[in-house]
C-alpha cells in the first residue's frame, strides 16, 4: 500500500510539473507577442511588409519572473524596417538590415502604463552595402549609379566606406564616412551632390550608438544604454 501511494504521489508530481511547464510556455509566448506589438507601436520597427520583429523573454520559469515583475534577460531583434532622413529627402529611405538589443535586469515600473526599465542594454545595428548603395544612388540622382563597399580605416564611431560609380556625370572613386552618434547616422560622400544624409533611429530612451565599423558584409554599429526607459521615448522628428 505504501509503495502504491509513493507511486501515485510521484506520478502526481510529474503531471503537475508538466502542466506548470506547459502553462509557463503558453504565458511566455503570449507575453513575447504582446511585447513585440508594443515595440512595433512605439518604435516603428515593423513598418514594412517584409519586416520581422521578435521579442524573447529568456529564463525559466517565466511565471515567477512575471509575478516578481523582474526579468533577467530580454532579447529584441528587428529586421528590414524602414527609416527616413531627418530632412525627409526624396529617395532617402533606408532599410535597416537588423537591429538587435539584449536587455538585462528588466523591471516593470508600471503595469497600467506598460512601463519598464532595463539596467543594461547592449546591441548592434547592421546596414547592408546593397541598401547603402541604393540610397546613395537615389540621393545623388541624375541617372547616378553608385556602389558602396568596405573600406579600411574604421575607427571609433566612424565607419569608412568605398564609393565607386558615377553621379551627375562625374566618376566617383572616393572614401565616404558613416558616422554613428547618439541615435543618428550621418553619411557623407565626397564628390556627389546631395549625397550626404542624416537618419535618426528610434531607440529606447537611454540607448545610444558607441561604435561603427565596416565589415565584409556591411556596416555594423554598436550601441549601449544604462538605466534604459522602455516605456517611453523622447524621440521627436
Protein backbone atom coordinates (compact mmCIF):
# COMPACT_ATOMS: atom_id res chain seq x y z
CA UNK A 1 0.00 0.00 0.00
CA UNK A 2 2.81 2.40 0.92
CA UNK A 3 4.60 1.77 -2.37
CA UNK A 4 1.36 2.43 -4.24
CA UNK A 5 0.93 5.83 -2.56
CA UNK A 6 4.54 6.68 -3.31
CA UNK A 7 3.95 5.80 -6.97
CA UNK A 8 0.73 7.84 -7.10
CA UNK A 9 2.47 10.79 -5.48
CA UNK A 10 5.38 10.60 -7.92
CA UNK A 11 3.01 10.50 -10.89
CA UNK A 12 1.05 13.45 -9.49
CA UNK A 13 4.21 15.49 -9.08
CA UNK A 14 5.29 14.72 -12.64
CA UNK A 15 1.86 15.64 -14.05
CA UNK A 16 1.76 18.91 -12.08
CA UNK A 17 5.27 19.79 -13.20
CA UNK A 18 4.28 19.10 -16.80
CA UNK A 19 1.15 21.24 -16.51
CA UNK A 20 3.15 24.06 -14.93
CA UNK A 21 5.71 23.89 -17.74
CA UNK A 22 3.00 23.98 -20.41
CA UNK A 23 1.25 26.90 -18.70
CA UNK A 24 4.58 28.71 -18.31
CA UNK A 25 5.41 28.32 -22.02
CA UNK A 26 1.93 29.45 -23.08
CA UNK A 27 2.20 32.55 -20.90
CA UNK A 28 5.69 33.47 -22.12
CA UNK A 29 4.57 33.06 -25.74
CA UNK A 30 1.68 35.46 -25.13
CA UNK A 31 3.97 37.91 -23.31
CA UNK A 32 6.50 37.81 -26.16
CA UNK A 33 3.79 38.60 -28.72
CA UNK A 34 2.35 41.39 -26.57
CA UNK A 35 5.79 42.94 -26.06
CA UNK A 36 6.52 42.73 -29.80
CA UNK A 37 3.27 44.56 -30.57
CA UNK A 38 4.14 47.34 -28.13
CA UNK A 39 7.59 47.70 -29.71
CA UNK A 40 6.00 47.98 -33.17
CA UNK A 41 3.65 50.70 -31.98
CA UNK A 42 6.27 52.73 -30.12
CA UNK A 43 9.39 52.42 -32.27
CA UNK A 44 8.02 51.54 -35.72
CA UNK A 45 10.29 48.54 -36.21
CA UNK A 46 7.58 46.56 -38.02
CA UNK A 47 6.74 49.18 -40.64
CA UNK A 48 7.40 47.11 -43.80
CA UNK A 49 5.66 44.09 -45.31
CA UNK A 50 8.88 42.06 -45.34
CA UNK A 51 9.99 43.17 -41.87
CA UNK A 52 10.34 40.86 -38.89
CA UNK A 53 10.23 41.63 -35.17
CA UNK A 54 10.86 39.18 -32.38
CA UNK A 55 10.88 39.69 -28.60
CA UNK A 56 12.04 36.80 -26.44
CA UNK A 57 11.86 36.76 -22.63
CA UNK A 58 14.62 34.40 -21.54
CA UNK A 59 14.84 32.26 -18.43
CA UNK A 60 12.65 29.63 -16.78
CA UNK A 61 10.22 29.75 -15.21
CA UNK A 62 8.66 32.81 -16.77
CA UNK A 63 5.75 32.96 -14.31
CA UNK A 64 7.95 33.55 -11.26
CA UNK A 65 9.68 36.40 -13.10
CA UNK A 66 6.29 37.83 -14.09
CA UNK A 67 4.96 37.70 -10.53
CA UNK A 68 8.11 39.46 -9.32
CA UNK A 69 7.90 41.94 -12.25
CA UNK A 70 11.61 41.37 -12.74
CA UNK A 71 13.12 39.74 -15.85
CA UNK A 72 16.81 38.89 -16.05
CA UNK A 73 17.21 38.87 -19.84
CA UNK A 74 15.04 40.01 -22.75
CA UNK A 75 16.11 39.83 -26.40
CA UNK A 76 14.75 42.08 -29.14
CA UNK A 77 15.50 41.53 -32.82
CA UNK A 78 14.07 43.63 -35.67
CA UNK A 79 14.86 43.08 -39.34
CA UNK A 80 14.17 45.00 -42.54
CA UNK A 81 12.38 48.02 -41.14
CA UNK A 82 12.43 51.44 -42.76
CA UNK A 83 13.77 54.80 -41.63
CA UNK A 84 13.81 58.11 -43.49
CA UNK A 85 16.21 61.05 -43.47
CA UNK A 86 15.64 63.76 -40.90
CA UNK A 87 15.00 66.14 -43.81
CA UNK A 88 12.59 63.68 -45.48
CA UNK A 89 14.70 63.87 -48.61
CA UNK A 90 13.09 62.25 -51.69
CA UNK A 91 14.51 58.75 -52.09
CA UNK A 92 16.27 58.94 -48.73
CA UNK A 93 14.58 55.93 -47.19
CA UNK A 94 16.90 53.28 -45.80
CA UNK A 95 16.17 49.71 -44.79
CA UNK A 96 17.85 48.57 -41.58
CA UNK A 97 19.03 45.02 -42.14
CA UNK A 98 18.95 44.14 -38.45
CA UNK A 99 18.71 45.75 -35.04
CA UNK A 100 19.43 43.56 -32.03
CA UNK A 101 19.14 44.54 -28.37
CA UNK A 102 19.99 42.47 -25.30
CA UNK A 103 18.22 43.90 -22.25
CA UNK A 104 19.48 42.88 -18.80
CA UNK A 105 17.77 43.41 -15.47
CA UNK A 106 14.36 44.43 -16.82
CA UNK A 107 11.92 45.56 -14.14
CA UNK A 108 8.29 46.58 -14.64
CA UNK A 109 7.75 50.01 -13.12
CA UNK A 110 4.08 50.47 -14.09
CA UNK A 111 1.66 47.80 -15.29
CA UNK A 112 -1.10 50.26 -16.18
CA UNK A 113 1.19 52.47 -18.25
CA UNK A 114 3.11 49.49 -19.64
CA UNK A 115 6.42 50.90 -18.46
CA UNK A 116 9.61 49.03 -17.80
CA UNK A 117 13.27 49.81 -17.23
CA UNK A 118 16.39 47.84 -18.13
CA UNK A 119 19.54 48.11 -16.06
CA UNK A 120 21.73 47.50 -19.12
CA UNK A 121 21.16 47.34 -22.87
CA UNK A 122 23.73 46.26 -25.45
CA UNK A 123 23.24 45.58 -29.12
CA UNK A 124 24.12 46.11 -32.76
CA UNK A 125 22.55 47.67 -35.82
CA UNK A 126 23.56 46.39 -39.27
CA UNK A 127 23.35 48.15 -42.64
CA UNK A 128 23.96 46.23 -45.85
CA UNK A 129 26.11 47.66 -48.63
CA UNK A 130 23.30 46.91 -51.08
CA UNK A 131 20.94 49.24 -49.18
CA UNK A 132 23.61 51.91 -48.76
CA UNK A 133 24.38 51.73 -52.48
CA UNK A 134 20.69 52.15 -53.27
CA UNK A 135 20.14 55.17 -51.04
CA UNK A 136 23.29 56.95 -52.25
CA UNK A 137 22.28 56.32 -55.86
CA UNK A 138 18.79 57.72 -55.23
CA UNK A 139 20.06 60.78 -53.36
CA UNK A 140 22.71 61.54 -55.99
CA UNK A 141 20.02 61.46 -58.71
CA UNK A 142 20.55 62.44 -62.38
CA UNK A 143 20.95 58.84 -63.52
CA UNK A 144 23.59 58.08 -60.93
CA UNK A 145 24.85 54.56 -60.38
CA UNK A 146 26.82 54.28 -57.14
CA UNK A 147 28.26 51.28 -55.34
CA UNK A 148 29.18 51.32 -51.64
CA UNK A 149 31.56 48.70 -50.24
CA UNK A 150 34.02 48.12 -47.42
CA UNK A 151 36.96 50.48 -46.95
CA UNK A 152 39.77 50.21 -44.42
CA UNK A 153 40.28 52.65 -41.61
CA UNK A 154 37.14 52.42 -39.48
CA UNK A 155 37.80 53.97 -36.09
CA UNK A 156 35.61 54.76 -33.12
CA UNK A 157 32.17 55.87 -34.26
CA UNK A 158 33.12 56.46 -37.90
CA UNK A 159 32.98 53.64 -40.46
CA UNK A 160 34.79 54.28 -43.73
CA UNK A 161 33.15 53.05 -46.94
CA UNK A 162 34.40 52.92 -50.51
CA UNK A 163 32.23 54.72 -53.07
CA UNK A 164 32.56 54.00 -56.78
CA UNK A 165 30.42 54.71 -59.84
CA UNK A 166 29.03 57.86 -61.41
CA UNK A 167 26.92 60.74 -60.11
CA UNK A 168 25.89 63.82 -62.06
CA UNK A 169 28.10 62.68 -64.94
CA UNK A 170 31.15 62.59 -62.65
CA UNK A 171 33.11 59.44 -61.96
CA UNK A 172 33.40 58.58 -58.28
CA UNK A 173 36.20 56.71 -56.58
CA UNK A 174 36.44 58.01 -53.06
CA UNK A 175 36.06 57.13 -49.40
CA UNK A 176 32.96 58.18 -47.52
CA UNK A 177 32.20 58.14 -43.83
CA UNK A 178 29.21 56.79 -41.96
CA UNK A 179 29.18 58.37 -38.50
CA UNK A 180 27.08 56.91 -35.67
CA UNK A 181 26.47 59.31 -32.76
CA UNK A 182 23.65 59.42 -30.25
CA UNK A 183 20.73 57.95 -32.19
CA UNK A 184 21.75 59.47 -35.52
CA UNK A 185 23.52 58.04 -38.57
CA UNK A 186 25.12 60.54 -40.93
CA UNK A 187 26.58 59.63 -44.30
CA UNK A 188 29.00 61.87 -46.17
CA UNK A 189 30.11 61.04 -49.69
CA UNK A 190 32.74 63.41 -51.12
CA UNK A 191 32.18 64.49 -54.71
CA UNK A 192 28.48 63.66 -55.02
CA UNK A 193 25.92 66.45 -54.77
CA UNK A 194 23.04 65.85 -52.33
CA UNK A 195 24.59 62.55 -51.30
CA UNK A 196 25.02 63.50 -47.66
CA UNK A 197 22.15 62.47 -45.40
CA UNK A 198 21.20 62.06 -41.75
CA UNK A 199 18.88 59.41 -40.33
CA UNK A 200 17.58 59.17 -36.79
CA UNK A 201 16.88 55.70 -35.42
CA UNK A 202 14.13 55.32 -32.85
CA UNK A 203 15.78 53.69 -29.84
CA UNK A 204 14.65 53.24 -26.23
CA UNK A 205 15.46 56.28 -24.12
CA UNK A 206 18.99 55.94 -22.75
CA UNK A 207 20.40 53.83 -25.62
CA UNK A 208 22.94 55.37 -27.98
CA UNK A 209 25.48 54.39 -30.62
CA UNK A 210 29.02 53.78 -29.39
CA UNK A 211 30.98 52.39 -32.36
CA UNK A 212 30.82 51.82 -36.12
CA UNK A 213 32.92 49.57 -38.32
CA UNK A 214 32.85 48.46 -41.93
CA UNK A 215 32.85 44.67 -42.28
CA UNK A 216 32.92 42.47 -45.37
CA UNK A 217 29.10 42.19 -45.31
CA UNK A 218 28.04 45.67 -44.23
CA UNK A 219 28.40 48.37 -41.62
CA UNK A 220 27.97 47.18 -38.03
CA UNK A 221 27.11 49.74 -35.38
CA UNK A 222 27.35 49.04 -31.65
CA UNK A 223 25.05 50.54 -29.03
CA UNK A 224 24.90 50.65 -25.24
CA UNK A 225 22.50 52.04 -22.67
CA UNK A 226 22.24 52.18 -18.88
CA UNK A 227 19.04 52.63 -16.88
CA UNK A 228 17.09 52.36 -20.11
CA UNK A 229 13.48 53.55 -20.13
CA UNK A 230 11.47 51.05 -22.19
CA UNK A 231 8.09 52.60 -21.55
CA UNK A 232 8.55 55.97 -23.19
CA UNK A 233 10.78 57.64 -25.72
CA UNK A 234 11.59 61.29 -26.17
CA UNK A 235 12.17 60.73 -29.86
CA UNK A 236 10.87 63.57 -31.99
CA UNK A 237 11.11 64.21 -35.69
